[in-house]
Amino acid sequence: ESGEIPGAFKPPPRGKTADKPLPLGLTPEDPRVILGLVGHPNVGKSSLLNALIGRKVVSVKSTPGHTKILQTITLDERTCLCDSPGVVFPRVDIPPAAQVIGMLIPPAQVREPFSAIRWLNDHLSKPLPALLKLQPLPEADVELLNLSGHAAAVSLGGPLPWSPLSICHQYGAQRNFHTGGSVDLHKAGMDIVARALDGRLAWSS
């Protein structure tokens, strides 16, 4: 028998350069097996690596997209583990808003949180304003009503309706999320999204 480990890393011939750089900490003469942890964001790749090592060797956070670079950790003299950022393939069959709440799109890549909040509100057991303990809207904000398309309902004497914008406005106002004297709607919206990602707003599809 040759004594080679099946699937082991084979160094390039001496005098030649490998097409791709080796993971940090490995040399061309290193015969160790490299096992990569690959998957969707926030499914526990880094937590699994820490469990296999028996101690915390890579940072872990509940927010998807926390791991941003490849991290190679030596398990023993024959094996290396490689932690990787979450891999997301384009899904045309799932709305982008659902992908945000489903942790397939990292928060850092979310341009606007209002679509995700609308989707979230439609998939909760209770209305989002009730879960967030928002106080009733004290008065109609004409600009917000026009943007959300509810101006006609108020003009007919109906109750002030909730929309993603008004939810963010009231949420931000109650938590003092202000920028330049106005409520920071984007910050408020992303904070609501973060609550859903942390599991504090239970939803179902």
C-alpha atoms as a PDB file:
ATOM      1  CA  GLU A   1       0.000   0.000   0.000  1.00  0.00           C
ATOM      2  CA  SER A   2       1.154   3.535  -0.710  1.00  0.00           C
ATOM      3  CA  GLY A   3       0.124   4.823   2.717  1.00  0.00           C
ATOM      4  CA  GLU A   4      -1.593   7.873   1.203  1.00  0.00           C
ATOM      5  CA  ILE A   5      -4.687   9.246   2.897  1.00  0.00           C
ATOM      6  CA  PRO A   6      -7.686   9.090   0.521  1.00  0.00           C
ATOM      7  CA  GLY A   7      -8.675  12.596  -0.491  1.00  0.00           C
ATOM      8  CA  ALA A   8      -5.597  14.123   1.150  1.00  0.00           C
ATOM      9  CA  PHE A   9      -4.168  17.368  -0.159  1.00  0.00           C
ATOM     10  CA  LYS A  10      -1.393  16.686  -2.669  1.00  0.00           C
ATOM     11  CA  PRO A  11       1.254  19.411  -2.937  1.00  0.00           C
ATOM     12  CA  PRO A  12       2.185  20.678  -6.393  1.00  0.00           C
ATOM     13  CA  PRO A  13       5.438  19.392  -7.927  1.00  0.00           C
ATOM     14  CA  ARG A  14       8.521  21.185  -6.684  1.00  0.00           C
ATOM     15  CA  GLY A  15       9.420  24.159  -8.808  1.00  0.00           C
ATOM     16  CA  LYS A  16       5.819  24.763  -9.850  1.00  0.00           C
ATOM     17  CA  THR A  17       3.326  27.205  -8.403  1.00  0.00           C
ATOM     18  CA  ALA A  18      -0.180  26.109  -7.444  1.00  0.00           C
ATOM     19  CA  ASP A  19      -3.033  27.770  -9.328  1.00  0.00           C
ATOM     20  CA  LYS A  20      -4.630  28.900  -6.074  1.00  0.00           C
ATOM     21  CA  PRO A  21      -3.043  30.023  -2.792  1.00  0.00           C
ATOM     22  CA  LEU A  22      -3.135  27.560   0.086  1.00  0.00           C
ATOM     23  CA  PRO A  23      -5.257  28.256   3.182  1.00  0.00           C
ATOM     24  CA  LEU A  24      -3.554  30.265   5.879  1.00  0.00           C
ATOM     25  CA  GLY A  25      -1.130  28.155   7.920  1.00  0.00           C
ATOM     26  CA  LEU A  26      -0.586  25.377   5.350  1.00  0.00           C
ATOM     27  CA  THR A  27       2.480  24.751   3.219  1.00  0.00           C
ATOM     28  CA  PRO A  28       2.878  22.779  -0.046  1.00  0.00           C
ATOM     29  CA  GLU A  29       4.527  19.965   1.925  1.00  0.00           C
ATOM     30  CA  ASP A  30       1.570  19.654   4.367  1.00  0.00           C
ATOM     31  CA  PRO A  31      -0.338  16.379   3.711  1.00  0.00           C
ATOM     32  CA  ARG A  32      -3.331  17.159   5.935  1.00  0.00           C
ATOM     33  CA  VAL A  33      -6.919  16.707   4.770  1.00  0.00           C
ATOM     34  CA  ILE A  34      -8.894  19.951   4.473  1.00  0.00           C
ATOM     35  CA  LEU A  35     -12.587  19.711   5.368  1.00  0.00           C
ATOM     36  CA  GLY A  36     -14.638  22.749   4.364  1.00  0.00           C
ATOM     37  CA  LEU A  37     -17.847  23.852   6.082  1.00  0.00           C
ATOM     38  CA  VAL A  38     -20.124  25.280   3.388  1.00  0.00           C
ATOM     39  CA  GLY A  39     -23.786  26.273   3.572  1.00  0.00           C
ATOM     40  CA  HIS A  40     -26.407  28.994   3.870  1.00  0.00           C
ATOM     41  CA  PRO A  41     -25.770  31.934   6.227  1.00  0.00           C
ATOM     42  CA  ASN A  42     -26.570  31.470   9.909  1.00  0.00           C
ATOM     43  CA  VAL A  43     -27.062  27.688   9.871  1.00  0.00           C
ATOM     44  CA  GLY A  44     -24.340  26.954  12.459  1.00  0.00           C
ATOM     45  CA  LYS A  45     -21.148  26.375  10.469  1.00  0.00           C
ATOM     46  CA  SER A  46     -18.979  28.326  12.896  1.00  0.00           C
ATOM     47  CA  SER A  47     -20.749  26.802  15.906  1.00  0.00           C
ATOM     48  CA  LEU A  48     -20.101  23.312  14.515  1.00  0.00           C
ATOM     49  CA  LEU A  49     -16.420  24.121  14.049  1.00  0.00           C
ATOM     50  CA  ASN A  50     -16.165  25.322  17.663  1.00  0.00           C
ATOM     51  CA  ALA A  51     -17.906  22.140  18.834  1.00  0.00           C
ATOM     52  CA  LEU A  52     -15.524  19.928  16.875  1.00  0.00           C
ATOM     53  CA  ILE A  53     -12.489  21.730  18.280  1.00  0.00           C
ATOM     54  CA  GLY A  54     -13.935  21.709  21.795  1.00  0.00           C
ATOM     55  CA  ARG A  55     -13.460  25.424  22.433  1.00  0.00           C
ATOM     56  CA  LYS A  56     -14.226  28.775  20.836  1.00  0.00           C
ATOM     57  CA  VAL A  57     -11.779  29.308  17.985  1.00  0.00           C
ATOM     58  CA  VAL A  58     -13.972  31.353  15.598  1.00  0.00           C
ATOM     59  CA  SER A  59     -16.409  34.148  16.341  1.00  0.00           C
ATOM     60  CA  VAL A  60     -20.121  33.301  16.397  1.00  0.00           C
ATOM     61  CA  LYS A  61     -23.081  35.653  16.094  1.00  0.00           C
ATOM     62  CA  SER A  62     -26.770  35.161  15.414  1.00  0.00           C
ATOM     63  CA  THR A  63     -26.748  37.772  12.635  1.00  0.00           C
ATOM     64  CA  PRO A  64     -26.332  36.173   9.177  1.00  0.00           C
ATOM     65  CA  GLY A  65     -23.192  37.155   7.289  1.00  0.00           C
ATOM     66  CA  HIS A  66     -21.003  37.453  10.410  1.00  0.00           C
ATOM     67  CA  THR A  67     -18.266  35.218   8.950  1.00  0.00           C
ATOM     68  CA  LYS A  68     -16.697  37.183   6.110  1.00  0.00           C
ATOM     69  CA  ILE A  69     -13.429  35.339   5.340  1.00  0.00           C
ATOM     70  CA  LEU A  70     -12.142  31.770   5.098  1.00  0.00           C
ATOM     71  CA  GLN A  71     -10.752  30.594   8.434  1.00  0.00           C
ATOM     72  CA  THR A  72      -8.558  27.477   8.616  1.00  0.00           C
ATOM     73  CA  ILE A  73      -8.220  25.703  11.961  1.00  0.00           C
ATOM     74  CA  THR A  74      -6.003  22.681  12.679  1.00  0.00           C
ATOM     75  CA  LEU A  75      -8.047  19.819  14.145  1.00  0.00           C
ATOM     76  CA  ASP A  76      -5.158  17.333  14.491  1.00  0.00           C
ATOM     77  CA  GLU A  77      -1.954  16.373  12.705  1.00  0.00           C
ATOM     78  CA  ARG A  78      -3.907  14.948   9.770  1.00  0.00           C
ATOM     79  CA  THR A  79      -6.963  17.221   9.472  1.00  0.00           C
ATOM     80  CA  CYS A  80      -7.750  20.909   9.000  1.00  0.00           C
ATOM     81  CA  LEU A  81     -11.204  22.500   9.179  1.00  0.00           C
ATOM     82  CA  CYS A  82     -12.064  25.473   6.979  1.00  0.00           C
ATOM     83  CA  ASP A  83     -14.918  27.772   8.016  1.00  0.00           C
ATOM     84  CA  SER A  84     -16.440  29.838   5.218  1.00  0.00           C
ATOM     85  CA  PRO A  85     -18.910  32.708   4.786  1.00  0.00           C
ATOM     86  CA  GLY A  86     -22.495  31.739   4.026  1.00  0.00           C
ATOM     87  CA  VAL A  87     -23.200  30.860   0.410  1.00  0.00           C
ATOM     88  CA  VAL A  88     -26.442  32.070  -1.133  1.00  0.00           C
ATOM     89  CA  PHE A  89     -27.537  31.199  -4.649  1.00  0.00           C
ATOM     90  CA  PRO A  90     -30.079  33.427  -6.440  1.00  0.00           C
ATOM     91  CA  ARG A  91     -33.675  32.247  -5.889  1.00  0.00           C
ATOM     92  CA  VAL A  92     -36.186  33.662  -8.343  1.00  0.00           C
ATOM     93  CA  ASP A  93     -39.003  31.637  -6.753  1.00  0.00           C
ATOM     94  CA  ILE A  94     -38.705  33.367  -3.345  1.00  0.00           C
ATOM     95  CA  PRO A  95     -39.452  37.105  -2.928  1.00  0.00           C
ATOM     96  CA  PRO A  96     -36.404  39.149  -1.822  1.00  0.00           C
ATOM     97  CA  ALA A  97     -38.328  40.319   1.254  1.00  0.00           C
ATOM     98  CA  ALA A  98     -38.814  36.693   2.339  1.00  0.00           C
ATOM     99  CA  GLN A  99     -35.129  35.992   1.748  1.00  0.00           C
ATOM    100  CA  VAL A 100     -34.236  38.866   4.100  1.00  0.00           C
ATOM    101  CA  ILE A 101     -36.422  37.509   6.916  1.00  0.00           C
ATOM    102  CA  GLY A 102     -35.298  33.952   6.095  1.00  0.00           C
ATOM    103  CA  MET A 103     -31.659  34.939   6.673  1.00  0.00           C
ATOM    104  CA  LEU A 104     -30.618  34.266   3.075  1.00  0.00           C
ATOM    105  CA  ILE A 105     -29.621  37.898   2.556  1.00  0.00           C
ATOM    106  CA  PRO A 106     -27.254  39.444   5.139  1.00  0.00           C
ATOM    107  CA  PRO A 107     -28.564  42.647   6.773  1.00  0.00           C
ATOM    108  CA  ALA A 108     -25.583  44.578   5.393  1.00  0.00           C
ATOM    109  CA  GLN A 109     -26.937  43.942   1.878  1.00  0.00           C
ATOM    110  CA  VAL A 110     -30.485  45.130   2.621  1.00  0.00           C
ATOM    111  CA  ARG A 111     -31.080  48.428   0.850  1.00  0.00           C
ATOM    112  CA  GLU A 112     -34.495  49.111   2.375  1.00  0.00           C
ATOM    113  CA  PRO A 113     -36.222  47.202   5.206  1.00  0.00           C
ATOM    114  CA  PHE A 114     -39.830  48.219   4.447  1.00  0.00           C
ATOM    115  CA  SER A 115     -40.582  45.407   1.983  1.00  0.00           C
ATOM    116  CA  ALA A 116     -39.271  42.861   4.480  1.00  0.00           C
ATOM    117  CA  ILE A 117     -41.410  44.415   7.248  1.00  0.00           C
ATOM    118  CA  ARG A 118     -44.516  44.199   5.059  1.00  0.00           C
ATOM    119  CA  TRP A 119     -43.794  40.503   4.388  1.00  0.00           C
ATOM    120  CA  LEU A 120     -43.115  39.914   8.082  1.00  0.00           C
ATOM    121  CA  ASN A 121     -46.366  41.580   9.143  1.00  0.00           C
ATOM    122  CA  ASP A 122     -48.279  39.284   6.766  1.00  0.00           C
ATOM    123  CA  HIS A 123     -46.718  36.162   8.299  1.00  0.00           C
ATOM    124  CA  LEU A 124     -47.119  36.826  12.028  1.00  0.00           C
ATOM    125  CA  SER A 125     -49.728  35.373  14.361  1.00  0.00           C
ATOM    126  CA  LYS A 126     -50.520  38.895  15.611  1.00  0.00           C
ATOM    127  CA  PRO A 127     -50.202  42.305  13.914  1.00  0.00           C
ATOM    128  CA  LEU A 128     -46.677  43.662  14.086  1.00  0.00           C
ATOM    129  CA  PRO A 129     -47.705  46.916  15.881  1.00  0.00           C
ATOM    130  CA  ALA A 130     -49.219  44.829  18.703  1.00  0.00           C
ATOM    131  CA  LEU A 131     -46.110  42.652  19.034  1.00  0.00           C
ATOM    132  CA  LEU A 132     -43.910  45.744  19.123  1.00  0.00           C
ATOM    133  CA  LYS A 133     -46.283  47.395  21.619  1.00  0.00           C
ATOM    134  CA  LEU A 134     -46.615  50.472  19.467  1.00  0.00           C
ATOM    135  CA  GLN A 135     -48.871  53.246  20.659  1.00  0.00           C
ATOM    136  CA  PRO A 136     -51.760  54.181  18.322  1.00  0.00           C
ATOM    137  CA  LEU A 137     -50.893  56.746  15.708  1.00  0.00           C
ATOM    138  CA  PRO A 138     -51.715  60.135  17.255  1.00  0.00           C
ATOM    139  CA  GLU A 139     -52.240  61.922  13.960  1.00  0.00           C
ATOM    140  CA  ALA A 140     -51.957  61.399  10.266  1.00  0.00           C
ATOM    141  CA  ASP A 141     -48.620  62.160   8.660  1.00  0.00           C
ATOM    142  CA  VAL A 142     -49.647  63.256   5.158  1.00  0.00           C
ATOM    143  CA  GLU A 143     -46.295  62.363   3.628  1.00  0.00           C
ATOM    144  CA  LEU A 144     -46.276  58.884   5.139  1.00  0.00           C
ATOM    145  CA  LEU A 145     -49.892  58.301   4.129  1.00  0.00           C
ATOM    146  CA  ASN A 146     -49.202  59.339   0.550  1.00  0.00           C
ATOM    147  CA  LEU A 147     -46.123  57.119   0.355  1.00  0.00           C
ATOM    148  CA  SER A 148     -48.015  54.135   1.751  1.00  0.00           C
ATOM    149  CA  GLY A 149     -51.155  54.761  -0.328  1.00  0.00           C
ATOM    150  CA  HIS A 150     -53.506  55.195   2.666  1.00  0.00           C
ATOM    151  CA  ALA A 151     -54.362  58.873   2.270  1.00  0.00           C
ATOM    152  CA  ALA A 152     -57.748  58.068   0.705  1.00  0.00           C
ATOM    153  CA  ALA A 153     -58.804  55.894   3.659  1.00  0.00           C
ATOM    154  CA  VAL A 154     -58.151  58.687   6.133  1.00  0.00           C
ATOM    155  CA  SER A 155     -59.927  61.251   3.983  1.00  0.00           C
ATOM    156  CA  LEU A 156     -63.055  59.086   4.238  1.00  0.00           C
ATOM    157  CA  GLY A 157     -62.905  59.199   8.013  1.00  0.00           C
ATOM    158  CA  GLY A 158     -61.446  55.747   8.563  1.00  0.00           C
ATOM    159  CA  PRO A 159     -58.995  54.847  11.336  1.00  0.00           C
ATOM    160  CA  LEU A 160     -55.339  55.633  10.833  1.00  0.00           C
ATOM    161  CA  PRO A 161     -53.941  52.543   9.121  1.00  0.00           C
ATOM    162  CA  TRP A 162     -50.600  50.929   9.782  1.00  0.00           C
ATOM    163  CA  SER A 163     -48.082  50.579   6.982  1.00  0.00           C
ATOM    164  CA  PRO A 164     -44.387  49.582   6.960  1.00  0.00           C
ATOM    165  CA  LEU A 165     -43.476  53.280   6.982  1.00  0.00           C
ATOM    166  CA  SER A 166     -45.833  54.224   9.803  1.00  0.00           C
ATOM    167  CA  ILE A 167     -44.723  51.169  11.837  1.00  0.00           C
ATOM    168  CA  CYS A 168     -41.096  52.237  11.457  1.00  0.00           C
ATOM    169  CA  HIS A 169     -41.953  55.846  12.227  1.00  0.00           C
ATOM    170  CA  GLN A 170     -43.788  55.013  15.449  1.00  0.00           C
ATOM    171  CA  TYR A 171     -41.236  52.382  16.474  1.00  0.00           C
ATOM    172  CA  GLY A 172     -38.357  54.807  15.895  1.00  0.00           C
ATOM    173  CA  ALA A 173     -40.137  57.616  17.715  1.00  0.00           C
ATOM    174  CA  GLN A 174     -40.771  55.446  20.786  1.00  0.00           C
ATOM    175  CA  ARG A 175     -37.125  54.355  20.871  1.00  0.00           C
ATOM    176  CA  ASN A 176     -35.672  57.766  20.095  1.00  0.00           C
ATOM    177  CA  PHE A 177     -34.131  56.775  16.750  1.00  0.00           C
ATOM    178  CA  HIS A 178     -33.618  60.280  15.420  1.00  0.00           C
ATOM    179  CA  THR A 179     -31.284  61.776  12.853  1.00  0.00           C
ATOM    180  CA  GLY A 180     -31.226  65.515  12.241  1.00  0.00           C
ATOM    181  CA  GLY A 181     -34.416  66.034  14.213  1.00  0.00           C
ATOM    182  CA  SER A 182     -36.433  63.433  12.278  1.00  0.00           C
ATOM    183  CA  VAL A 183     -37.171  59.768  12.948  1.00  0.00           C
ATOM    184  CA  ASP A 184     -34.595  57.538  11.261  1.00  0.00           C
ATOM    185  CA  LEU A 185     -36.955  55.209   9.409  1.00  0.00           C
ATOM    186  CA  HIS A 186     -34.178  53.024   7.997  1.00  0.00           C
ATOM    187  CA  LYS A 187     -32.575  52.455  11.399  1.00  0.00           C
ATOM    188  CA  ALA A 188     -35.954  51.679  12.947  1.00  0.00           C
ATOM    189  CA  GLY A 189     -36.777  49.275  10.128  1.00  0.00           C
ATOM    190  CA  MET A 190     -33.467  47.438  10.373  1.00  0.00           C
ATOM    191  CA  ASP A 191     -33.937  47.119  14.132  1.00  0.00           C
ATOM    192  CA  ILE A 192     -37.302  45.448  13.540  1.00  0.00           C
ATOM    193  CA  VAL A 193     -35.710  43.123  10.980  1.00  0.00           C
ATOM    194  CA  ALA A 194     -32.977  42.286  13.519  1.00  0.00           C
ATOM    195  CA  ARG A 195     -35.675  41.282  16.021  1.00  0.00           C
ATOM    196  CA  ALA A 196     -37.081  38.827  13.481  1.00  0.00           C
ATOM    197  CA  LEU A 197     -33.622  37.417  12.734  1.00  0.00           C
ATOM    198  CA  ASP A 198     -32.965  36.963  16.464  1.00  0.00           C
ATOM    199  CA  GLY A 199     -36.179  34.987  16.839  1.00  0.00           C
ATOM    200  CA  ARG A 200     -37.957  37.611  18.935  1.00  0.00           C
ATOM    201  CA  LEU A 201     -40.712  37.914  16.307  1.00  0.00           C
ATOM    202  CA  ALA A 202     -41.919  34.408  15.501  1.00  0.00           C
ATOM    203  CA  TRP A 203     -43.248  34.085  11.966  1.00  0.00           C
ATOM    204  CA  SER A 204     -44.347  31.258   9.688  1.00  0.00           C
ATOM    205  CA  SER A 205     -44.580  30.960   5.938  1.00  0.00           C
END
